C-alpha cells in the first residue's frame, strides 16, 4: 500500500493563530530570533518557545545557531508556497473590511513573497511582462520565457542561462493572496527581485516584508514596463 502524506498534522500546526502568525512573520525568507517572533504572534516568550518547538518538529521551520542566539526561518520555499496558497483561500468570503493601516497598505502594495516580488506591484510587473510577450502563461501554472524575454531579463542583470529550473520549472505563476491574480515566482522571479534591488529600483524594509520603490525605480519601471505611481493597478501607501 502506498504511504500517504500526513496532511492532518501539518494542517494542525498551521491552524493555530499564534503559529500561523509566526510563519507569516518569516514569509520574506529571513531568519528571526524567538523574541521577535513572540512579539509578532502576540504571545509570551515561553509560549512562543513551545510553538517554535512544534513547528521545528513538524518540519515547517529550521533553526540556525549564531553564537548564543538561535534564529528561525521557514524550512524552504515549499513551505512558503503552501502558506501563500492557504492565504489566498482564507479571505475569499470576507465582505466588509476595515480600512488598511499604513503598514498593511505597504504590504499590499509591494512585499516579499519568500524570495520574489508580490503585492500590487508584483502583479503589475507580471502583467506588464505578459502584455509585452516577454513571458507567456503556459501549462501547469508555469510561465514560458520568450526570446525577447530572455534579452529583456539579460538587459536588467538576470543571467537566464545560469538559472536552474525547479520541479515547477523556471518561472511559476504564484497566486497573490491580496490581489487574487498571479505574480512571477520560481527561479526567474527570485532573480528578477534580486536584480531590481541590486539596480537600486527596489528597497526591502529592514523591519517587515514590505518593499519600497525608489525614485530611480519608478523611472525604470515607467521606461521599461509602463508602470508608474498613477497606474490604475496600483494604490500607493498613503501618509
Protein backbone atom coordinates (compact mmCIF):
# COMPACT_ATOMS: atom_id res chain seq x y z
CA UNK A 1 0.00 0.00 0.00
CA UNK A 2 1.36 3.41 -0.98
CA UNK A 3 2.15 5.58 2.09
CA UNK A 4 0.02 8.72 2.42
CA UNK A 5 1.33 12.15 3.42
CA UNK A 6 0.35 13.21 6.92
CA UNK A 7 -1.62 16.28 5.88
CA UNK A 8 -3.59 16.46 9.12
CA UNK A 9 -0.52 17.02 11.30
CA UNK A 10 0.71 19.87 9.07
CA UNK A 11 -2.78 21.39 8.99
CA UNK A 12 -2.90 21.22 12.79
CA UNK A 13 0.37 23.12 13.07
CA UNK A 14 -0.72 25.90 10.72
CA UNK A 15 -4.25 26.14 12.16
CA UNK A 16 -3.15 27.69 15.47
CA UNK A 17 -3.34 31.53 15.17
CA UNK A 18 -0.06 32.12 17.02
CA UNK A 19 1.83 29.57 14.92
CA UNK A 20 0.27 31.00 11.75
CA UNK A 21 1.47 34.47 12.79
CA UNK A 22 4.98 33.12 13.35
CA UNK A 23 5.01 31.54 9.89
CA UNK A 24 3.77 34.75 8.26
CA UNK A 25 6.44 36.76 10.08
CA UNK A 26 9.06 34.57 8.40
CA UNK A 27 7.43 34.79 4.99
CA UNK A 28 10.12 37.01 3.46
CA UNK A 29 12.76 34.31 3.85
CA UNK A 30 14.69 35.97 6.67
CA UNK A 31 15.70 34.24 9.91
CA UNK A 32 14.41 35.87 13.10
CA UNK A 33 15.04 35.27 16.82
CA UNK A 34 12.40 33.86 19.15
CA UNK A 35 11.82 37.23 20.83
CA UNK A 36 10.78 38.93 17.60
CA UNK A 37 8.56 36.01 16.69
CA UNK A 38 6.89 36.10 20.11
CA UNK A 39 6.14 39.79 19.57
CA UNK A 40 4.78 39.13 16.07
CA UNK A 41 2.48 36.41 17.41
CA UNK A 42 1.39 38.42 20.46
CA UNK A 43 2.40 35.71 22.92
CA UNK A 44 4.89 35.36 25.76
CA UNK A 45 8.42 34.12 25.16
CA UNK A 46 7.60 30.84 26.89
CA UNK A 47 4.53 30.26 24.74
CA UNK A 48 6.47 31.17 21.59
CA UNK A 49 9.16 28.68 22.53
CA UNK A 50 6.57 25.89 22.73
CA UNK A 51 5.11 26.85 19.36
CA UNK A 52 8.56 27.03 17.75
CA UNK A 53 9.41 23.56 19.02
CA UNK A 54 6.25 22.16 17.41
CA UNK A 55 6.95 23.92 14.11
CA UNK A 56 10.52 22.60 14.14
CA UNK A 57 9.41 19.06 14.88
CA UNK A 58 6.78 19.34 12.16
CA UNK A 59 9.36 20.29 9.56
CA UNK A 60 7.94 23.75 8.84
CA UNK A 61 10.84 25.65 10.42
CA UNK A 62 14.61 25.33 10.52
CA UNK A 63 16.86 26.75 13.21
CA UNK A 64 20.28 28.35 12.84
CA UNK A 65 22.67 28.84 15.77
CA UNK A 66 24.71 32.07 15.81
CA UNK A 67 26.79 32.26 18.96
CA UNK A 68 24.40 32.11 21.88
CA UNK A 69 21.42 33.07 19.73
CA UNK A 70 19.05 30.92 17.72
CA UNK A 71 17.37 32.15 14.57
CA UNK A 72 14.33 30.57 12.96
CA UNK A 73 13.31 30.55 9.29
CA UNK A 74 10.92 28.67 7.01
CA UNK A 75 12.39 25.32 6.01
CA UNK A 76 12.26 26.13 2.30
CA UNK A 77 10.21 27.74 -0.44
CA UNK A 78 7.74 24.82 -0.47
CA UNK A 79 6.51 25.86 2.98
CA UNK A 80 6.13 29.45 1.74
CA UNK A 81 4.23 28.22 -1.31
CA UNK A 82 1.78 26.29 0.85
CA UNK A 83 1.16 29.27 3.13
CA UNK A 84 0.67 31.59 0.17
CA UNK A 85 -1.96 29.28 -1.31
CA UNK A 86 -3.78 28.96 2.02
CA UNK A 87 -3.71 32.73 2.45
CA UNK A 88 -5.26 33.13 -0.99
CA UNK A 89 -8.17 30.94 0.13
CA UNK A 90 -8.65 32.35 3.62
CA UNK A 91 -10.31 35.70 2.94
CA UNK A 92 -12.41 34.86 -0.12
CA UNK A 93 -15.62 35.06 1.91
CA UNK A 94 -14.80 38.39 3.50
CA UNK A 95 -17.34 41.06 2.58
CA UNK A 96 -16.67 44.03 4.84
CA UNK A 97 -13.08 45.04 5.58
CA UNK A 98 -11.66 47.64 7.90
CA UNK A 99 -9.62 50.39 6.26
CA UNK A 100 -6.00 49.27 5.98
CA UNK A 101 -3.45 50.97 8.23
CA UNK A 102 -0.22 52.20 6.68
CA UNK A 103 1.72 49.00 7.43
CA UNK A 104 -0.99 46.89 5.79
CA UNK A 105 -1.11 49.28 2.82
CA UNK A 106 2.63 48.90 2.35
CA UNK A 107 2.40 45.09 2.40
CA UNK A 108 -0.45 45.08 -0.07
CA UNK A 109 1.37 47.49 -2.38
CA UNK A 110 4.65 45.55 -2.56
CA UNK A 111 6.16 42.82 -0.41
CA UNK A 112 8.45 39.83 -0.45
CA UNK A 113 6.69 36.53 -1.08
CA UNK A 114 9.51 34.48 0.47
CA UNK A 115 12.08 35.36 -2.21
CA UNK A 116 10.18 37.09 -5.02
CA UNK A 117 8.10 40.23 -5.53
CA UNK A 118 4.40 40.14 -4.61
CA UNK A 119 1.53 42.52 -3.93
CA UNK A 120 0.05 45.03 -6.35
CA UNK A 121 3.46 45.87 -7.76
CA UNK A 122 4.40 42.22 -8.27
CA UNK A 123 1.14 41.60 -10.13
CA UNK A 124 1.55 44.80 -12.19
CA UNK A 125 5.10 43.83 -13.21
CA UNK A 126 3.98 40.31 -14.15
CA UNK A 127 1.06 41.59 -16.21
CA UNK A 128 3.31 44.12 -17.98
CA UNK A 129 5.76 41.33 -18.85
CA UNK A 130 2.88 39.31 -20.29
CA UNK A 131 1.46 42.23 -22.25
CA UNK A 132 4.86 42.68 -23.90
CA UNK A 133 5.02 38.91 -24.52
CA UNK A 134 8.26 38.65 -22.56
CA UNK A 135 6.66 35.82 -20.59
CA UNK A 136 3.67 33.74 -21.67
CA UNK A 137 1.29 31.77 -19.43
CA UNK A 138 1.83 28.06 -20.03
CA UNK A 139 0.60 24.73 -18.73
CA UNK A 140 0.81 23.56 -15.10
CA UNK A 141 0.81 27.13 -13.74
CA UNK A 142 4.11 27.97 -15.38
CA UNK A 143 5.31 30.94 -17.39
CA UNK A 144 7.29 30.38 -20.56
CA UNK A 145 10.07 32.81 -21.42
CA UNK A 146 10.17 34.17 -24.97
CA UNK A 147 13.35 35.01 -26.89
CA UNK A 148 12.58 38.69 -26.43
CA UNK A 149 12.05 37.98 -22.74
CA UNK A 150 15.49 36.39 -22.42
CA UNK A 151 17.01 39.52 -23.93
CA UNK A 152 15.00 41.80 -21.64
CA UNK A 153 15.93 39.92 -18.48
CA UNK A 154 19.60 39.86 -19.53
CA UNK A 155 19.49 43.64 -20.02
CA UNK A 156 18.40 44.19 -16.41
CA UNK A 157 21.00 41.83 -14.99
CA UNK A 158 19.39 38.37 -14.93
CA UNK A 159 21.52 35.61 -16.45
CA UNK A 160 18.74 33.31 -17.62
CA UNK A 161 21.17 30.66 -18.90
CA UNK A 162 22.58 30.25 -15.39
CA UNK A 163 19.20 29.61 -13.78
CA UNK A 164 18.37 26.08 -12.68
CA UNK A 165 14.70 25.10 -13.09
CA UNK A 166 12.94 23.53 -10.12
CA UNK A 167 10.33 20.79 -10.40
CA UNK A 168 7.88 23.63 -11.09
CA UNK A 169 10.00 24.95 -13.94
CA UNK A 170 11.95 28.16 -14.46
CA UNK A 171 9.06 30.56 -13.91
CA UNK A 172 5.92 29.83 -11.93
CA UNK A 173 2.53 31.50 -11.60
CA UNK A 174 2.03 32.26 -7.90
CA UNK A 175 -1.48 33.33 -6.83
CA UNK A 176 -1.18 36.59 -4.91
CA UNK A 177 -3.24 36.35 -1.72
CA UNK A 178 -4.18 40.05 -1.61
CA UNK A 179 -4.72 40.66 -5.32
CA UNK A 180 -6.20 37.31 -6.43
CA UNK A 181 -4.02 37.46 -9.54
CA UNK A 182 -0.75 35.75 -10.38
CA UNK A 183 2.70 37.18 -9.86
CA UNK A 184 6.00 35.79 -11.12
CA UNK A 185 7.70 33.20 -8.90
CA UNK A 186 10.28 30.45 -9.38
CA UNK A 187 13.99 30.96 -10.10
CA UNK A 188 13.23 33.68 -12.66
CA UNK A 189 11.08 35.58 -10.16
CA UNK A 190 13.77 35.27 -7.49
CA UNK A 191 16.48 36.66 -9.76
CA UNK A 192 14.22 39.45 -11.02
CA UNK A 193 13.68 40.61 -7.43
CA UNK A 194 17.41 40.47 -6.73
CA UNK A 195 18.26 42.34 -9.93
CA UNK A 196 15.78 45.14 -9.22
CA UNK A 197 17.15 45.52 -5.69
CA UNK A 198 20.75 45.45 -6.94
CA UNK A 199 19.91 48.11 -9.53
CA UNK A 200 18.51 50.36 -6.81
CA UNK A 201 14.97 50.20 -8.14
CA UNK A 202 13.56 48.42 -5.10
CA UNK A 203 14.47 48.60 -1.43
CA UNK A 204 13.47 45.99 1.12
CA UNK A 205 12.30 47.16 4.53
CA UNK A 206 14.55 46.26 7.44
CA UNK A 207 11.61 45.64 9.77
CA UNK A 208 8.92 43.98 7.65
CA UNK A 209 8.20 42.19 4.37
CA UNK A 210 7.35 45.49 2.69
CA UNK A 211 9.23 46.57 -0.44
CA UNK A 212 9.63 50.21 -1.45
CA UNK A 213 10.15 51.65 -4.93
CA UNK A 214 12.91 54.26 -5.18
CA UNK A 215 12.69 57.32 -7.47
CA UNK A 216 15.16 55.54 -9.76
CA UNK A 217 12.89 52.52 -9.66
CA UNK A 218 9.80 54.46 -10.70
CA UNK A 219 11.73 55.92 -13.63
CA UNK A 220 12.94 52.48 -14.66
CA UNK A 221 9.56 50.81 -14.27
CA UNK A 222 7.95 53.55 -16.38
CA UNK A 223 10.57 53.30 -19.12
CA UNK A 224 10.76 49.51 -19.22
CA UNK A 225 7.22 48.37 -18.38
CA UNK A 226 4.97 51.43 -18.48
CA UNK A 227 4.31 51.27 -14.73
CA UNK A 228 4.17 54.49 -12.72
CA UNK A 229 2.64 55.71 -9.48
CA UNK A 230 -0.54 56.70 -11.28
CA UNK A 231 -1.13 53.25 -12.75
CA UNK A 232 -4.70 52.15 -12.14
CA UNK A 233 -3.46 48.79 -10.86
CA UNK A 234 -1.52 50.45 -8.03
CA UNK A 235 -2.69 52.09 -4.84
CA UNK A 236 0.43 53.51 -3.28
CA UNK A 237 0.55 53.73 0.55
CA UNK A 238 -0.82 56.95 1.96
CA UNK A 239 0.98 59.00 4.59
